[in-house]
Amino acid sequence: MFCDKSNATRIFKGLEAEGYAERRKHETDGRSYRLILTPLGETVRQQVIVEHEAYNQMRLDFISHTEQTTLS
């Protein structure tokens, strides 16, 4: 993500406030938390994946399938 710890914390707090993610205490390490997507967050994640793949495909439509495979 190319951001420092405080920036990542601020971003996550925003996701948490919007209901996209939540923190849960780690099962064995009392010093840490697990960051988990809520069902709403997972729905948005799936939509973003579909949109991102469509965008990438649109950007690559000008080269052949063989060239796309080579690029991958």
PDB file of N, CA and C in Angstrom:
ATOM      1  N   MET A   1       0.828  -1.200   0.000  1.00  0.00           N
ATOM      2  CA  MET A   1       0.000   0.000   0.000  1.00  0.00           C
ATOM      3  C   MET A   1       0.866   1.254   0.000  1.00  0.00           C
ATOM      4  N   PHE A   2       2.152   1.107   0.241  1.00  0.00           N
ATOM      5  CA  PHE A   2       3.058   2.243   0.265  1.00  0.00           C
ATOM      6  C   PHE A   2       2.607   3.328   1.244  1.00  0.00           C
ATOM      7  N   CYS A   3       2.216   2.903   2.448  1.00  0.00           N
ATOM      8  CA  CYS A   3       1.860   3.885   3.468  1.00  0.00           C
ATOM      9  C   CYS A   3       2.392   3.403   4.809  1.00  0.00           C
ATOM     10  N   ASP A   4       2.577   4.345   5.710  1.00  0.00           N
ATOM     11  CA  ASP A   4       3.119   3.987   7.009  1.00  0.00           C
ATOM     12  C   ASP A   4       2.018   3.471   7.943  1.00  0.00           C
ATOM     13  N   LYS A   5       2.431   3.048   9.123  1.00  0.00           N
ATOM     14  CA  LYS A   5       1.499   2.438  10.069  1.00  0.00           C
ATOM     15  C   LYS A   5       0.346   3.367  10.445  1.00  0.00           C
ATOM     16  N   SER A   6       0.640   4.633  10.704  1.00  0.00           N
ATOM     17  CA  SER A   6      -0.420   5.553  11.117  1.00  0.00           C
ATOM     18  C   SER A   6      -1.420   5.793   9.988  1.00  0.00           C
ATOM     19  N   ASN A   7      -0.940   5.849   8.764  1.00  0.00           N
ATOM     20  CA  ASN A   7      -1.840   6.035   7.624  1.00  0.00           C
ATOM     21  C   ASN A   7      -2.704   4.797   7.412  1.00  0.00           C
ATOM     22  N   ALA A   8      -2.100   3.607   7.535  1.00  0.00           N
ATOM     23  CA  ALA A   8      -2.867   2.368   7.400  1.00  0.00           C
ATOM     24  C   ALA A   8      -3.936   2.283   8.486  1.00  0.00           C
ATOM     25  N   THR A   9      -3.592   2.693   9.711  1.00  0.00           N
ATOM     26  CA  THR A   9      -4.558   2.686  10.811  1.00  0.00           C
ATOM     27  C   THR A   9      -5.723   3.621  10.519  1.00  0.00           C
ATOM     28  N   ARG A  10      -5.419   4.814  10.011  1.00  0.00           N
ATOM     29  CA  ARG A  10      -6.476   5.778   9.683  1.00  0.00           C
ATOM     30  C   ARG A  10      -7.388   5.228   8.579  1.00  0.00           C
ATOM     31  N   ILE A  11      -6.796   4.618   7.567  1.00  0.00           N
ATOM     32  CA  ILE A  11      -7.589   4.035   6.479  1.00  0.00           C
ATOM     33  C   ILE A  11      -8.491   2.937   7.037  1.00  0.00           C
ATOM     34  N   PHE A  12      -7.930   2.062   7.867  1.00  0.00           N
ATOM     35  CA  PHE A  12      -8.730   0.971   8.411  1.00  0.00           C
ATOM     36  C   PHE A  12      -9.846   1.484   9.297  1.00  0.00           C
ATOM     37  N   LYS A  13      -9.573   2.498  10.102  1.00  0.00           N
ATOM     38  CA  LYS A  13     -10.628   3.066  10.953  1.00  0.00           C
ATOM     39  C   LYS A  13     -11.786   3.583  10.108  1.00  0.00           C
ATOM     40  N   GLY A  14     -11.475   4.172   8.958  1.00  0.00           N
ATOM     41  CA  GLY A  14     -12.526   4.626   8.051  1.00  0.00           C
ATOM     42  C   GLY A  14     -13.345   3.463   7.516  1.00  0.00           C
ATOM     43  N   LEU A  15     -12.667   2.374   7.127  1.00  0.00           N
ATOM     44  CA  LEU A  15     -13.379   1.178   6.649  1.00  0.00           C
ATOM     45  C   LEU A  15     -14.257   0.593   7.748  1.00  0.00           C
ATOM     46  N   GLU A  16     -13.734   0.610   8.961  1.00  0.00           N
ATOM     47  CA  GLU A  16     -14.481   0.103  10.113  1.00  0.00           C
ATOM     48  C   GLU A  16     -15.712   0.974  10.382  1.00  0.00           C
ATOM     49  N   ALA A  17     -15.541   2.274  10.336  1.00  0.00           N
ATOM     50  CA  ALA A  17     -16.649   3.200  10.592  1.00  0.00           C
ATOM     51  C   ALA A  17     -17.755   3.060   9.548  1.00  0.00           C
ATOM     52  N   GLU A  18     -17.382   2.730   8.327  1.00  0.00           N
ATOM     53  CA  GLU A  18     -18.367   2.566   7.250  1.00  0.00           C
ATOM     54  C   GLU A  18     -19.000   1.171   7.241  1.00  0.00           C
ATOM     55  N   GLY A  19     -18.503   0.278   8.104  1.00  0.00           N
ATOM     56  CA  GLY A  19     -19.077  -1.065   8.199  1.00  0.00           C
ATOM     57  C   GLY A  19     -18.496  -2.071   7.222  1.00  0.00           C
ATOM     58  N   TYR A  20     -17.345  -1.753   6.622  1.00  0.00           N
ATOM     59  CA  TYR A  20     -16.725  -2.655   5.655  1.00  0.00           C
ATOM     60  C   TYR A  20     -15.784  -3.669   6.299  1.00  0.00           C
ATOM     61  N   ALA A  21     -15.290  -3.364   7.482  1.00  0.00           N
ATOM     62  CA  ALA A  21     -14.312  -4.239   8.139  1.00  0.00           C
ATOM     63  C   ALA A  21     -14.457  -4.141   9.646  1.00  0.00           C
ATOM     64  N   GLU A  22     -13.858  -5.114  10.327  1.00  0.00           N
ATOM     65  CA  GLU A  22     -13.862  -5.093  11.792  1.00  0.00           C
ATOM     66  C   GLU A  22     -12.569  -5.698  12.315  1.00  0.00           C
ATOM     67  N   ARG A  23     -12.265  -5.363  13.574  1.00  0.00           N
ATOM     68  CA  ARG A  23     -11.097  -5.929  14.248  1.00  0.00           C
ATOM     69  C   ARG A  23     -11.579  -7.020  15.188  1.00  0.00           C
ATOM     70  N   ARG A  24     -10.807  -8.082  15.230  1.00  0.00           N
ATOM     71  CA  ARG A  24     -11.075  -9.139  16.200  1.00  0.00           C
ATOM     72  C   ARG A  24      -9.760  -9.487  16.885  1.00  0.00           C
ATOM     73  N   LYS A  25      -9.831  -9.706  18.185  1.00  0.00           N
ATOM     74  CA  LYS A  25      -8.628 -10.097  18.917  1.00  0.00           C
ATOM     75  C   LYS A  25      -8.070 -11.378  18.319  1.00  0.00           C
ATOM     76  N   HIS A  26      -6.754 -11.414  18.200  1.00  0.00           N
ATOM     77  CA  HIS A  26      -6.081 -12.615  17.713  1.00  0.00           C
ATOM     78  C   HIS A  26      -6.322 -13.743  18.707  1.00  0.00           C
ATOM     79  N   GLU A  27      -6.525 -14.946  18.187  1.00  0.00           N
ATOM     80  CA  GLU A  27      -6.870 -16.088  19.039  1.00  0.00           C
ATOM     81  C   GLU A  27      -5.775 -16.440  20.040  1.00  0.00           C
ATOM     82  N   THR A  28      -4.523 -16.319  19.630  1.00  0.00           N
ATOM     83  CA  THR A  28      -3.432 -16.756  20.501  1.00  0.00           C
ATOM     84  C   THR A  28      -2.480 -15.643  20.907  1.00  0.00           C
ATOM     85  N   ASP A  29      -2.451 -14.552  20.177  1.00  0.00           N
ATOM     86  CA  ASP A  29      -1.540 -13.450  20.477  1.00  0.00           C
ATOM     87  C   ASP A  29      -2.344 -12.258  20.981  1.00  0.00           C
ATOM     88  N   GLY A  30      -2.360 -12.077  22.286  1.00  0.00           N
ATOM     89  CA  GLY A  30      -3.160 -11.026  22.889  1.00  0.00           C
ATOM     90  C   GLY A  30      -2.726  -9.617  22.530  1.00  0.00           C
ATOM     91  N   ARG A  31      -1.557  -9.478  21.892  1.00  0.00           N
ATOM     92  CA  ARG A  31      -1.065  -8.147  21.512  1.00  0.00           C
ATOM     93  C   ARG A  31      -1.586  -7.699  20.158  1.00  0.00           C
ATOM     94  N   SER A  32      -2.214  -8.587  19.417  1.00  0.00           N
ATOM     95  CA  SER A  32      -2.585  -8.223  18.049  1.00  0.00           C
ATOM     96  C   SER A  32      -4.054  -8.492  17.756  1.00  0.00           C
ATOM     97  N   TYR A  33      -4.478  -7.949  16.616  1.00  0.00           N
ATOM     98  CA  TYR A  33      -5.847  -8.105  16.139  1.00  0.00           C
ATOM     99  C   TYR A  33      -5.820  -8.685  14.735  1.00  0.00           C
ATOM    100  N   ARG A  34      -6.913  -9.304  14.361  1.00  0.00           N
ATOM    101  CA  ARG A  34      -7.129  -9.707  12.981  1.00  0.00           C
ATOM    102  C   ARG A  34      -8.059  -8.676  12.364  1.00  0.00           C
ATOM    103  N   LEU A  35      -7.766  -8.289  11.147  1.00  0.00           N
ATOM    104  CA  LEU A  35      -8.601  -7.337  10.422  1.00  0.00           C
ATOM    105  C   LEU A  35      -9.412  -8.132   9.410  1.00  0.00           C
ATOM    106  N   ILE A  36     -10.737  -8.061   9.540  1.00  0.00           N
ATOM    107  CA  ILE A  36     -11.618  -8.936   8.777  1.00  0.00           C
ATOM    108  C   ILE A  36     -12.672  -8.114   8.046  1.00  0.00           C
ATOM    109  N   LEU A  37     -12.913  -8.489   6.794  1.00  0.00           N
ATOM    110  CA  LEU A  37     -13.993  -7.844   6.051  1.00  0.00           C
ATOM    111  C   LEU A  37     -15.333  -8.331   6.573  1.00  0.00           C
ATOM    112  N   THR A  38     -16.280  -7.418   6.676  1.00  0.00           N
ATOM    113  CA  THR A  38     -17.648  -7.780   7.017  1.00  0.00           C
ATOM    114  C   THR A  38     -18.318  -8.302   5.745  1.00  0.00           C
ATOM    115  N   PRO A  39     -19.520  -8.857   5.844  1.00  0.00           N
ATOM    116  CA  PRO A  39     -20.220  -9.269   4.623  1.00  0.00           C
ATOM    117  C   PRO A  39     -20.362  -8.105   3.621  1.00  0.00           C
ATOM    118  N   LEU A  40     -20.620  -6.905   4.120  1.00  0.00           N
ATOM    119  CA  LEU A  40     -20.702  -5.740   3.236  1.00  0.00           C
ATOM    120  C   LEU A  40     -19.360  -5.485   2.567  1.00  0.00           C
ATOM    121  N   GLY A  41     -18.279  -5.561   3.335  1.00  0.00           N
ATOM    122  CA  GLY A  41     -16.945  -5.363   2.796  1.00  0.00           C
ATOM    123  C   GLY A  41     -16.594  -6.408   1.754  1.00  0.00           C
ATOM    124  N   GLU A  42     -16.991  -7.646   1.992  1.00  0.00           N
ATOM    125  CA  GLU A  42     -16.728  -8.725   1.028  1.00  0.00           C
ATOM    126  C   GLU A  42     -17.510  -8.513  -0.256  1.00  0.00           C
ATOM    127  N   THR A  43     -18.738  -8.026  -0.144  1.00  0.00           N
ATOM    128  CA  THR A  43     -19.543  -7.718  -1.329  1.00  0.00           C
ATOM    129  C   THR A  43     -18.857  -6.644  -2.165  1.00  0.00           C
ATOM    130  N   VAL A  44     -18.402  -5.596  -1.517  1.00  0.00           N
ATOM    131  CA  VAL A  44     -17.709  -4.515  -2.226  1.00  0.00           C
ATOM    132  C   VAL A  44     -16.413  -5.037  -2.833  1.00  0.00           C
ATOM    133  N   ARG A  45     -15.690  -5.869  -2.113  1.00  0.00           N
ATOM    134  CA  ARG A  45     -14.442  -6.452  -2.617  1.00  0.00           C
ATOM    135  C   ARG A  45     -14.693  -7.225  -3.906  1.00  0.00           C
ATOM    136  N   GLN A  46     -15.734  -8.041  -3.911  1.00  0.00           N
ATOM    137  CA  GLN A  46     -16.062  -8.821  -5.116  1.00  0.00           C
ATOM    138  C   GLN A  46     -16.414  -7.899  -6.286  1.00  0.00           C
ATOM    139  N   GLN A  47     -17.157  -6.834  -6.028  1.00  0.00           N
ATOM    140  CA  GLN A  47     -17.503  -5.875  -7.086  1.00  0.00           C
ATOM    141  C   GLN A  47     -16.257  -5.199  -7.634  1.00  0.00           C
ATOM    142  N   VAL A  48     -15.346  -4.833  -6.748  1.00  0.00           N
ATOM    143  CA  VAL A  48     -14.110  -4.167  -7.158  1.00  0.00           C
ATOM    144  C   VAL A  48     -13.268  -5.106  -8.019  1.00  0.00           C
ATOM    145  N   ILE A  49     -13.200  -6.375  -7.646  1.00  0.00           N
ATOM    146  CA  ILE A  49     -12.433  -7.348  -8.430  1.00  0.00           C
ATOM    147  C   ILE A  49     -12.995  -7.440  -9.846  1.00  0.00           C
ATOM    148  N   VAL A  50     -14.311  -7.548  -9.975  1.00  0.00           N
ATOM    149  CA  VAL A  50     -14.946  -7.637 -11.288  1.00  0.00           C
ATOM    150  C   VAL A  50     -14.656  -6.377 -12.111  1.00  0.00           C
ATOM    151  N   GLU A  51     -14.811  -5.219 -11.505  1.00  0.00           N
ATOM    152  CA  GLU A  51     -14.567  -3.952 -12.204  1.00  0.00           C
ATOM    153  C   GLU A  51     -13.097  -3.817 -12.606  1.00  0.00           C
ATOM    154  N   HIS A  52     -12.199  -4.212 -11.708  1.00  0.00           N
ATOM    155  CA  HIS A  52     -10.769  -4.121 -11.987  1.00  0.00           C
ATOM    156  C   HIS A  52     -10.382  -5.033 -13.152  1.00  0.00           C
ATOM    157  N   GLU A  53     -10.901  -6.257 -13.157  1.00  0.00           N
ATOM    158  CA  GLU A  53     -10.613  -7.182 -14.245  1.00  0.00           C
ATOM    159  C   GLU A  53     -11.169  -6.662 -15.568  1.00  0.00           C
ATOM    160  N   ALA A  54     -12.359  -6.081 -15.543  1.00  0.00           N
ATOM    161  CA  ALA A  54     -12.944  -5.516 -16.765  1.00  0.00           C
ATOM    162  C   ALA A  54     -12.102  -4.350 -17.271  1.00  0.00           C
ATOM    163  N   TYR A  55     -11.638  -3.517 -16.367  1.00  0.00           N
ATOM    164  CA  TYR A  55     -10.794  -2.388 -16.746  1.00  0.00           C
ATOM    165  C   TYR A  55      -9.487  -2.877 -17.361  1.00  0.00           C
ATOM    166  N   ASN A  56      -8.862  -3.860 -16.725  1.00  0.00           N
ATOM    167  CA  ASN A  56      -7.624  -4.406 -17.272  1.00  0.00           C
ATOM    168  C   ASN A  56      -7.843  -5.009 -18.646  1.00  0.00           C
ATOM    169  N   GLN A  57      -8.949  -5.721 -18.819  1.00  0.00           N
ATOM    170  CA  GLN A  57      -9.239  -6.324 -20.118  1.00  0.00           C
ATOM    171  C   GLN A  57      -9.440  -5.247 -21.179  1.00  0.00           C
ATOM    172  N   MET A  58     -10.141  -4.190 -20.837  1.00  0.00           N
ATOM    173  CA  MET A  58     -10.345  -3.089 -21.779  1.00  0.00           C
ATOM    174  C   MET A  58      -9.001  -2.489 -22.189  1.00  0.00           C
ATOM    175  N   ARG A  59      -8.104  -2.341 -21.229  1.00  0.00           N
ATOM    176  CA  ARG A  59      -6.794  -1.761 -21.514  1.00  0.00           C
ATOM    177  C   ARG A  59      -5.936  -2.668 -22.386  1.00  0.00           C
ATOM    178  N   LEU A  60      -6.191  -3.989 -22.319  1.00  0.00           N
ATOM    179  CA  LEU A  60      -5.375  -4.940 -23.066  1.00  0.00           C
ATOM    180  C   LEU A  60      -6.017  -5.417 -24.364  1.00  0.00           C
ATOM    181  N   ASP A  61      -7.210  -4.945 -24.673  1.00  0.00           N
ATOM    182  CA  ASP A  61      -7.926  -5.412 -25.869  1.00  0.00           C
ATOM    183  C   ASP A  61      -7.178  -5.143 -27.171  1.00  0.00           C
ATOM    184  N   PHE A  62      -6.265  -4.207 -27.170  1.00  0.00           N
ATOM    185  CA  PHE A  62      -5.579  -3.861 -28.411  1.00  0.00           C
ATOM    186  C   PHE A  62      -4.439  -4.818 -28.755  1.00  0.00           C
ATOM    187  N   ILE A  63      -4.061  -5.729 -27.835  1.00  0.00           N
ATOM    188  CA  ILE A  63      -3.022  -6.700 -28.157  1.00  0.00           C
ATOM    189  C   ILE A  63      -3.628  -8.101 -28.258  1.00  0.00           C
ATOM    190  N   SER A  64      -2.970  -8.979 -28.968  1.00  0.00           N
ATOM    191  CA  SER A  64      -3.503 -10.318 -29.218  1.00  0.00           C
ATOM    192  C   SER A  64      -3.540 -11.153 -27.932  1.00  0.00           C
ATOM    193  N   HIS A  65      -4.306 -12.229 -27.986  1.00  0.00           N
ATOM    194  CA  HIS A  65      -4.406 -13.132 -26.842  1.00  0.00           C
ATOM    195  C   HIS A  65      -3.031 -13.709 -26.499  1.00  0.00           C
ATOM    196  N   THR A  66      -2.257 -14.055 -27.512  1.00  0.00           N
ATOM    197  CA  THR A  66      -0.912 -14.596 -27.293  1.00  0.00           C
ATOM    198  C   THR A  66      -0.042 -13.568 -26.580  1.00  0.00           C
ATOM    199  N   GLU A  67      -0.108 -12.314 -27.010  1.00  0.00           N
ATOM    200  CA  GLU A  67       0.660 -11.265 -26.360  1.00  0.00           C
ATOM    201  C   GLU A  67       0.203 -11.040 -24.915  1.00  0.00           C
ATOM    202  N   GLN A  68      -1.105 -11.136 -24.688  1.00  0.00           N
ATOM    203  CA  GLN A  68      -1.623 -11.001 -23.327  1.00  0.00           C
ATOM    204  C   GLN A  68      -1.094 -12.112 -22.436  1.00  0.00           C
ATOM    205  N   THR A  69      -1.064 -13.335 -22.960  1.00  0.00           N
ATOM    206  CA  THR A  69      -0.570 -14.480 -22.199  1.00  0.00           C
ATOM    207  C   THR A  69       0.914 -14.282 -21.868  1.00  0.00           C
ATOM    208  N   THR A  70       1.681 -13.814 -22.864  1.00  0.00           N
ATOM    209  CA  THR A  70       3.098 -13.563 -22.646  1.00  0.00           C
ATOM    210  C   THR A  70       3.289 -12.497 -21.585  1.00  0.00           C
ATOM    211  N   LEU A  71       2.489 -11.457 -21.651  1.00  0.00           N
ATOM    212  CA  LEU A  71       2.572 -10.374 -20.675  1.00  0.00           C
ATOM    213  C   LEU A  71       2.263 -10.875 -19.269  1.00  0.00           C
ATOM    214  N   SER A  72       1.262 -11.746 -19.168  1.00  0.00           N
ATOM    215  CA  SER A  72       0.900 -12.304 -17.850  1.00  0.00           C
ATOM    216  C   SER A  72       2.034 -13.117 -17.296  1.00  0.00           C
TER     217      SER A  72
END
